[in-house]
């Protein structure tokens, strides 16, 4: 696994197990082959606070960033 992916795996460790699992799913299954736009969106998601990220992932609040919404679609495939 490339070094940056290992660093991202560490950043996927969140305050709740549910967020850990969802973020790891994208990283493990889609990140390496995803277009750079989605890779960057995923990295922006990792910069979010847990409550904001949780709201996005459960669909409580869609993002104004279309690429982030696309990452969320990948997570739920």
PDB file of N, CA and C in Angstrom:
ATOM      1  N   UNK A   1       0.838  -1.173   0.000  1.00  0.00           N
ATOM      2  CA  UNK A   1       0.000   0.000   0.000  1.00  0.00           C
ATOM      3  C   UNK A   1       0.885   1.239   0.000  1.00  0.00           C
ATOM      4  N   UNK A   2       0.597   2.229  -0.852  1.00  0.00           N
ATOM      5  CA  UNK A   2       1.424   3.440  -0.865  1.00  0.00           C
ATOM      6  C   UNK A   2       1.418   4.132   0.502  1.00  0.00           C
ATOM      7  N   UNK A   3       2.509   4.808   0.782  1.00  0.00           N
ATOM      8  CA  UNK A   3       2.667   5.438   2.090  1.00  0.00           C
ATOM      9  C   UNK A   3       1.530   6.404   2.409  1.00  0.00           C
ATOM     10  N   UNK A   4       1.092   7.196   1.406  1.00  0.00           N
ATOM     11  CA  UNK A   4       0.021   8.151   1.695  1.00  0.00           C
ATOM     12  C   UNK A   4      -1.273   7.438   2.070  1.00  0.00           C
ATOM     13  N   UNK A   5      -1.506   6.246   1.537  1.00  0.00           N
ATOM     14  CA  UNK A   5      -2.700   5.480   1.887  1.00  0.00           C
ATOM     15  C   UNK A   5      -2.598   5.017   3.341  1.00  0.00           C
ATOM     16  N   UNK A   6      -1.425   4.651   3.775  1.00  0.00           N
ATOM     17  CA  UNK A   6      -1.240   4.274   5.177  1.00  0.00           C
ATOM     18  C   UNK A   6      -1.536   5.455   6.101  1.00  0.00           C
ATOM     19  N   UNK A   7      -1.100   6.640   5.717  1.00  0.00           N
ATOM     20  CA  UNK A   7      -1.397   7.843   6.512  1.00  0.00           C
ATOM     21  C   UNK A   7      -2.887   8.122   6.524  1.00  0.00           C
ATOM     22  N   UNK A   8      -3.540   7.939   5.383  1.00  0.00           N
ATOM     23  CA  UNK A   8      -4.984   8.149   5.313  1.00  0.00           C
ATOM     24  C   UNK A   8      -5.720   7.129   6.182  1.00  0.00           C
ATOM     25  N   UNK A   9      -5.223   5.896   6.209  1.00  0.00           N
ATOM     26  CA  UNK A   9      -5.845   4.871   7.051  1.00  0.00           C
ATOM     27  C   UNK A   9      -5.823   5.310   8.513  1.00  0.00           C
ATOM     28  N   UNK A  10      -4.731   5.895   8.924  1.00  0.00           N
ATOM     29  CA  UNK A  10      -4.628   6.389  10.304  1.00  0.00           C
ATOM     30  C   UNK A  10      -5.637   7.517  10.532  1.00  0.00           C
ATOM     31  N   UNK A  11      -5.795   8.394   9.542  1.00  0.00           N
ATOM     32  CA  UNK A  11      -6.734   9.516   9.660  1.00  0.00           C
ATOM     33  C   UNK A  11      -8.192   9.056   9.641  1.00  0.00           C
ATOM     34  N   UNK A  12      -8.439   7.857   9.131  1.00  0.00           N
ATOM     35  CA  UNK A  12      -9.802   7.314   9.119  1.00  0.00           C
ATOM     36  C   UNK A  12     -10.264   6.914  10.515  1.00  0.00           C
ATOM     37  N   UNK A  13      -9.345   6.796  11.429  1.00  0.00           N
ATOM     38  CA  UNK A  13      -9.708   6.433  12.804  1.00  0.00           C
ATOM     39  C   UNK A  13     -10.421   7.623  13.431  1.00  0.00           C
ATOM     40  N   UNK A  14     -11.708   7.433  13.685  1.00  0.00           N
ATOM     41  CA  UNK A  14     -12.547   8.521  14.160  1.00  0.00           C
ATOM     42  C   UNK A  14     -12.990   8.253  15.598  1.00  0.00           C
ATOM     43  N   UNK A  15     -13.873   9.096  16.088  1.00  0.00           N
ATOM     44  CA  UNK A  15     -14.370   8.950  17.459  1.00  0.00           C
ATOM     45  C   UNK A  15     -15.405   7.865  17.622  1.00  0.00           C
ATOM     46  N   UNK A  16     -15.976   7.412  16.514  1.00  0.00           N
ATOM     47  CA  UNK A  16     -16.989   6.355  16.611  1.00  0.00           C
ATOM     48  C   UNK A  16     -16.663   5.243  15.616  1.00  0.00           C
ATOM     49  N   UNK A  17     -17.012   4.040  16.004  1.00  0.00           N
ATOM     50  CA  UNK A  17     -16.735   2.869  15.180  1.00  0.00           C
ATOM     51  C   UNK A  17     -17.438   2.966  13.825  1.00  0.00           C
ATOM     52  N   UNK A  18     -18.662   3.513  13.805  1.00  0.00           N
ATOM     53  CA  UNK A  18     -19.421   3.615  12.562  1.00  0.00           C
ATOM     54  C   UNK A  18     -18.680   4.473  11.540  1.00  0.00           C
ATOM     55  N   UNK A  19     -18.143   5.588  11.992  1.00  0.00           N
ATOM     56  CA  UNK A  19     -17.381   6.452  11.078  1.00  0.00           C
ATOM     57  C   UNK A  19     -16.107   5.759  10.624  1.00  0.00           C
ATOM     58  N   UNK A  20     -15.442   5.065  11.533  1.00  0.00           N
ATOM     59  CA  UNK A  20     -14.234   4.305  11.172  1.00  0.00           C
ATOM     60  C   UNK A  20     -14.537   3.354  10.019  1.00  0.00           C
ATOM     61  N   UNK A  21     -15.611   2.591  10.180  1.00  0.00           N
ATOM     62  CA  UNK A  21     -15.964   1.563   9.198  1.00  0.00           C
ATOM     63  C   UNK A  21     -16.292   2.189   7.846  1.00  0.00           C
ATOM     64  N   UNK A  22     -17.096   3.241   7.844  1.00  0.00           N
ATOM     65  CA  UNK A  22     -17.506   3.863   6.584  1.00  0.00           C
ATOM     66  C   UNK A  22     -16.330   4.504   5.851  1.00  0.00           C
ATOM     67  N   UNK A  23     -15.485   5.198   6.580  1.00  0.00           N
ATOM     68  CA  UNK A  23     -14.351   5.861   5.933  1.00  0.00           C
ATOM     69  C   UNK A  23     -13.336   4.830   5.438  1.00  0.00           C
ATOM     70  N   UNK A  24     -13.115   3.790   6.212  1.00  0.00           N
ATOM     71  CA  UNK A  24     -12.202   2.723   5.795  1.00  0.00           C
ATOM     72  C   UNK A  24     -12.728   2.006   4.555  1.00  0.00           C
ATOM     73  N   UNK A  25     -14.053   1.891   4.454  1.00  0.00           N
ATOM     74  CA  UNK A  25     -14.626   1.215   3.293  1.00  0.00           C
ATOM     75  C   UNK A  25     -14.221   1.924   2.005  1.00  0.00           C
ATOM     76  N   UNK A  26     -14.347   3.256   1.973  1.00  0.00           N
ATOM     77  CA  UNK A  26     -13.954   3.982   0.764  1.00  0.00           C
ATOM     78  C   UNK A  26     -12.458   3.839   0.528  1.00  0.00           C
ATOM     79  N   UNK A  27     -11.674   4.012   1.578  1.00  0.00           N
ATOM     80  CA  UNK A  27     -10.218   3.923   1.435  1.00  0.00           C
ATOM     81  C   UNK A  27      -9.804   2.548   0.901  1.00  0.00           C
ATOM     82  N   UNK A  28     -10.331   1.500   1.467  1.00  0.00           N
ATOM     83  CA  UNK A  28      -9.913   0.148   1.090  1.00  0.00           C
ATOM     84  C   UNK A  28     -10.438  -0.305  -0.261  1.00  0.00           C
ATOM     85  N   UNK A  29     -11.636   0.138  -0.621  1.00  0.00           N
ATOM     86  CA  UNK A  29     -12.276  -0.389  -1.819  1.00  0.00           C
ATOM     87  C   UNK A  29     -12.198   0.516  -3.052  1.00  0.00           C
ATOM     88  N   UNK A  30     -12.049   1.823  -2.852  1.00  0.00           N
ATOM     89  CA  UNK A  30     -12.184   2.727  -3.982  1.00  0.00           C
ATOM     90  C   UNK A  30     -11.076   3.770  -4.125  1.00  0.00           C
ATOM     91  N   UNK A  31     -10.427   4.131  -3.033  1.00  0.00           N
ATOM     92  CA  UNK A  31      -9.530   5.294  -3.058  1.00  0.00           C
ATOM     93  C   UNK A  31      -8.452   5.206  -4.140  1.00  0.00           C
ATOM     94  N   UNK A  32      -7.711   4.125  -4.191  1.00  0.00           N
ATOM     95  CA  UNK A  32      -6.560   4.012  -5.094  1.00  0.00           C
ATOM     96  C   UNK A  32      -6.978   4.143  -6.557  1.00  0.00           C
ATOM     97  N   UNK A  33      -8.127   3.608  -6.911  1.00  0.00           N
ATOM     98  CA  UNK A  33      -8.569   3.656  -8.307  1.00  0.00           C
ATOM     99  C   UNK A  33      -9.498   4.835  -8.609  1.00  0.00           C
ATOM    100  N   UNK A  34      -9.860   5.593  -7.596  1.00  0.00           N
ATOM    101  CA  UNK A  34     -10.774   6.723  -7.793  1.00  0.00           C
ATOM    102  C   UNK A  34     -10.074   7.862  -8.520  1.00  0.00           C
ATOM    103  N   UNK A  35     -10.844   8.666  -9.270  1.00  0.00           N
ATOM    104  CA  UNK A  35     -10.257   9.859  -9.893  1.00  0.00           C
ATOM    105  C   UNK A  35      -9.712  10.802  -8.821  1.00  0.00           C
ATOM    106  N   UNK A  36      -8.733  11.594  -9.176  1.00  0.00           N
ATOM    107  CA  UNK A  36      -8.102  12.485  -8.189  1.00  0.00           C
ATOM    108  C   UNK A  36      -9.112  13.426  -7.539  1.00  0.00           C
ATOM    109  N   UNK A  37     -10.146  13.813  -8.277  1.00  0.00           N
ATOM    110  CA  UNK A  37     -11.179  14.691  -7.701  1.00  0.00           C
ATOM    111  C   UNK A  37     -11.841  14.025  -6.490  1.00  0.00           C
ATOM    112  N   UNK A  38     -12.111  12.722  -6.592  1.00  0.00           N
ATOM    113  CA  UNK A  38     -12.731  12.014  -5.475  1.00  0.00           C
ATOM    114  C   UNK A  38     -11.727  11.728  -4.365  1.00  0.00           C
ATOM    115  N   UNK A  39     -10.482  11.469  -4.725  1.00  0.00           N
ATOM    116  CA  UNK A  39      -9.448  11.296  -3.698  1.00  0.00           C
ATOM    117  C   UNK A  39      -9.318  12.571  -2.866  1.00  0.00           C
ATOM    118  N   UNK A  40      -9.299  13.707  -3.532  1.00  0.00           N
ATOM    119  CA  UNK A  40      -9.182  14.986  -2.825  1.00  0.00           C
ATOM    120  C   UNK A  40     -10.414  15.250  -1.964  1.00  0.00           C
ATOM    121  N   UNK A  41     -11.593  14.901  -2.476  1.00  0.00           N
ATOM    122  CA  UNK A  41     -12.824  15.082  -1.706  1.00  0.00           C
ATOM    123  C   UNK A  41     -12.788  14.220  -0.444  1.00  0.00           C
ATOM    124  N   UNK A  42     -12.317  12.988  -0.585  1.00  0.00           N
ATOM    125  CA  UNK A  42     -12.192  12.098   0.573  1.00  0.00           C
ATOM    126  C   UNK A  42     -11.248  12.693   1.609  1.00  0.00           C
ATOM    127  N   UNK A  43     -10.151  13.239   1.153  1.00  0.00           N
ATOM    128  CA  UNK A  43      -9.198  13.849   2.075  1.00  0.00           C
ATOM    129  C   UNK A  43      -9.807  15.070   2.758  1.00  0.00           C
ATOM    130  N   UNK A  44     -10.638  15.823   2.052  1.00  0.00           N
ATOM    131  CA  UNK A  44     -11.340  16.954   2.687  1.00  0.00           C
ATOM    132  C   UNK A  44     -12.310  16.435   3.751  1.00  0.00           C
ATOM    133  N   UNK A  45     -12.936  15.306   3.469  1.00  0.00           N
ATOM    134  CA  UNK A  45     -13.840  14.715   4.457  1.00  0.00           C
ATOM    135  C   UNK A  45     -13.091  14.346   5.732  1.00  0.00           C
ATOM    136  N   UNK A  46     -11.865  13.868   5.580  1.00  0.00           N
ATOM    137  CA  UNK A  46     -11.072  13.494   6.752  1.00  0.00           C
ATOM    138  C   UNK A  46     -10.706  14.709   7.607  1.00  0.00           C
ATOM    139  N   UNK A  47     -10.777  15.895   7.031  1.00  0.00           N
ATOM    140  CA  UNK A  47     -10.508  17.121   7.786  1.00  0.00           C
ATOM    141  C   UNK A  47     -11.725  17.611   8.573  1.00  0.00           C
ATOM    142  N   UNK A  48     -12.888  17.027   8.317  1.00  0.00           N
ATOM    143  CA  UNK A  48     -14.121  17.458   8.984  1.00  0.00           C
ATOM    144  C   UNK A  48     -14.183  16.943  10.415  1.00  0.00           C
ATOM    145  N   UNK A  49     -14.936  17.651  11.214  1.00  0.00           N
ATOM    146  CA  UNK A  49     -15.211  17.203  12.576  1.00  0.00           C
ATOM    147  C   UNK A  49     -16.204  16.038  12.511  1.00  0.00           C
ATOM    148  N   UNK A  50     -16.148  15.151  13.475  1.00  0.00           N
ATOM    149  CA  UNK A  50     -16.997  13.968  13.466  1.00  0.00           C
ATOM    150  C   UNK A  50     -18.496  14.273  13.339  1.00  0.00           C
ATOM    151  N   UNK A  51     -19.066  15.235  14.084  1.00  0.00           N
ATOM    152  CA  UNK A  51     -20.510  15.482  13.953  1.00  0.00           C
ATOM    153  C   UNK A  51     -20.916  15.907  12.532  1.00  0.00           C
ATOM    154  N   UNK A  52     -20.105  16.739  11.906  1.00  0.00           N
ATOM    155  CA  UNK A  52     -20.385  17.173  10.538  1.00  0.00           C
ATOM    156  C   UNK A  52     -20.289  15.989   9.567  1.00  0.00           C
ATOM    157  N   UNK A  53     -19.264  15.192   9.724  1.00  0.00           N
ATOM    158  CA  UNK A  53     -19.069  14.022   8.871  1.00  0.00           C
ATOM    159  C   UNK A  53     -20.212  13.026   9.063  1.00  0.00           C
ATOM    160  N   UNK A  54     -20.606  12.815  10.293  1.00  0.00           N
ATOM    161  CA  UNK A  54     -21.706  11.897  10.593  1.00  0.00           C
ATOM    162  C   UNK A  54     -22.992  12.358   9.909  1.00  0.00           C
ATOM    163  N   UNK A  55     -23.305  13.658  10.006  1.00  0.00           N
ATOM    164  CA  UNK A  55     -24.507  14.189   9.358  1.00  0.00           C
ATOM    165  C   UNK A  55     -24.486  13.962   7.853  1.00  0.00           C
ATOM    166  N   UNK A  56     -23.335  14.118   7.239  1.00  0.00           N
ATOM    167  CA  UNK A  56     -23.221  13.861   5.802  1.00  0.00           C
ATOM    168  C   UNK A  56     -23.454  12.390   5.478  1.00  0.00           C
ATOM    169  N   UNK A  57     -22.827  11.528   6.257  1.00  0.00           N
ATOM    170  CA  UNK A  57     -22.871  10.103   5.955  1.00  0.00           C
ATOM    171  C   UNK A  57     -24.237   9.468   6.207  1.00  0.00           C
ATOM    172  N   UNK A  58     -25.019  10.015   7.137  1.00  0.00           N
ATOM    173  CA  UNK A  58     -26.350   9.453   7.362  1.00  0.00           C
ATOM    174  C   UNK A  58     -27.404  10.152   6.508  1.00  0.00           C
ATOM    175  N   UNK A  59     -26.987  11.133   5.724  1.00  0.00           N
ATOM    176  CA  UNK A  59     -27.914  11.804   4.830  1.00  0.00           C
ATOM    177  C   UNK A  59     -28.729  12.899   5.479  1.00  0.00           C
ATOM    178  N   UNK A  60     -28.369  13.277   6.681  1.00  0.00           N
ATOM    179  CA  UNK A  60     -29.085  14.346   7.378  1.00  0.00           C
ATOM    180  C   UNK A  60     -28.873  15.680   6.677  1.00  0.00           C
ATOM    181  N   UNK A  61     -27.689  15.817   6.084  1.00  0.00           N
ATOM    182  CA  UNK A  61     -27.340  17.078   5.450  1.00  0.00           C
ATOM    183  C   UNK A  61     -26.427  16.788   4.273  1.00  0.00           C
ATOM    184  N   UNK A  62     -26.890  17.042   3.026  1.00  0.00           N
ATOM    185  CA  UNK A  62     -25.990  16.837   1.882  1.00  0.00           C
ATOM    186  C   UNK A  62     -24.921  17.931   1.844  1.00  0.00           C
ATOM    187  N   UNK A  63     -23.819  17.609   1.247  1.00  0.00           N
ATOM    188  CA  UNK A  63     -22.733  18.576   1.110  1.00  0.00           C
ATOM    189  C   UNK A  63     -22.986  19.467  -0.097  1.00  0.00           C
ATOM    190  N   UNK A  64     -22.502  20.683  -0.021  1.00  0.00           N
ATOM    191  CA  UNK A  64     -22.555  21.567  -1.192  1.00  0.00           C
ATOM    192  C   UNK A  64     -21.456  21.190  -2.181  1.00  0.00           C
ATOM    193  N   UNK A  65     -20.550  20.309  -1.763  1.00  0.00           N
ATOM    194  CA  UNK A  65     -19.447  19.826  -2.589  1.00  0.00           C
ATOM    195  C   UNK A  65     -19.896  18.546  -3.297  1.00  0.00           C
ATOM    196  N   UNK A  66     -20.094  18.632  -4.596  1.00  0.00           N
ATOM    197  CA  UNK A  66     -20.603  17.482  -5.359  1.00  0.00           C
ATOM    198  C   UNK A  66     -19.666  16.284  -5.289  1.00  0.00           C
ATOM    199  N   UNK A  67     -18.372  16.532  -5.225  1.00  0.00           N
ATOM    200  CA  UNK A  67     -17.412  15.427  -5.159  1.00  0.00           C
ATOM    201  C   UNK A  67     -17.547  14.672  -3.836  1.00  0.00           C
ATOM    202  N   UNK A  68     -17.795  15.382  -2.756  1.00  0.00           N
ATOM    203  CA  UNK A  68     -18.004  14.721  -1.463  1.00  0.00           C
ATOM    204  C   UNK A  68     -19.261  13.861  -1.520  1.00  0.00           C
ATOM    205  N   UNK A  69     -20.317  14.379  -2.128  1.00  0.00           N
ATOM    206  CA  UNK A  69     -21.535  13.587  -2.273  1.00  0.00           C
ATOM    207  C   UNK A  69     -21.274  12.324  -3.089  1.00  0.00           C
ATOM    208  N   UNK A  70     -20.398  12.417  -4.074  1.00  0.00           N
ATOM    209  CA  UNK A  70     -20.039  11.253  -4.888  1.00  0.00           C
ATOM    210  C   UNK A  70     -19.277  10.223  -4.049  1.00  0.00           C
ATOM    211  N   UNK A  71     -18.375  10.687  -3.200  1.00  0.00           N
ATOM    212  CA  UNK A  71     -17.648   9.771  -2.297  1.00  0.00           C
ATOM    213  C   UNK A  71     -18.652   9.024  -1.424  1.00  0.00           C
ATOM    214  N   UNK A  72     -19.643   9.739  -0.918  1.00  0.00           N
ATOM    215  CA  UNK A  72     -20.653   9.113  -0.064  1.00  0.00           C
ATOM    216  C   UNK A  72     -21.425   8.053  -0.861  1.00  0.00           C
ATOM    217  N   UNK A  73     -21.718   8.335  -2.118  1.00  0.00           N
ATOM    218  CA  UNK A  73     -22.371   7.324  -2.968  1.00  0.00           C
ATOM    219  C   UNK A  73     -21.509   6.065  -3.068  1.00  0.00           C
ATOM    220  N   UNK A  74     -20.198   6.237  -3.241  1.00  0.00           N
ATOM    221  CA  UNK A  74     -19.298   5.091  -3.314  1.00  0.00           C
ATOM    222  C   UNK A  74     -19.315   4.303  -2.000  1.00  0.00           C
ATOM    223  N   UNK A  75     -19.334   5.001  -0.894  1.00  0.00           N
ATOM    224  CA  UNK A  75     -19.321   4.332   0.403  1.00  0.00           C
ATOM    225  C   UNK A  75     -20.521   3.401   0.545  1.00  0.00           C
ATOM    226  N   UNK A  76     -21.654   3.823   0.020  1.00  0.00           N
ATOM    227  CA  UNK A  76     -22.880   3.032   0.194  1.00  0.00           C
ATOM    228  C   UNK A  76     -23.157   2.079  -0.960  1.00  0.00           C
ATOM    229  N   UNK A  77     -22.190   1.851  -1.823  1.00  0.00           N
ATOM    230  CA  UNK A  77     -22.345   0.850  -2.886  1.00  0.00           C
ATOM    231  C   UNK A  77     -22.270  -0.524  -2.310  1.00  0.00           C
TER     232      UNK A  77
END
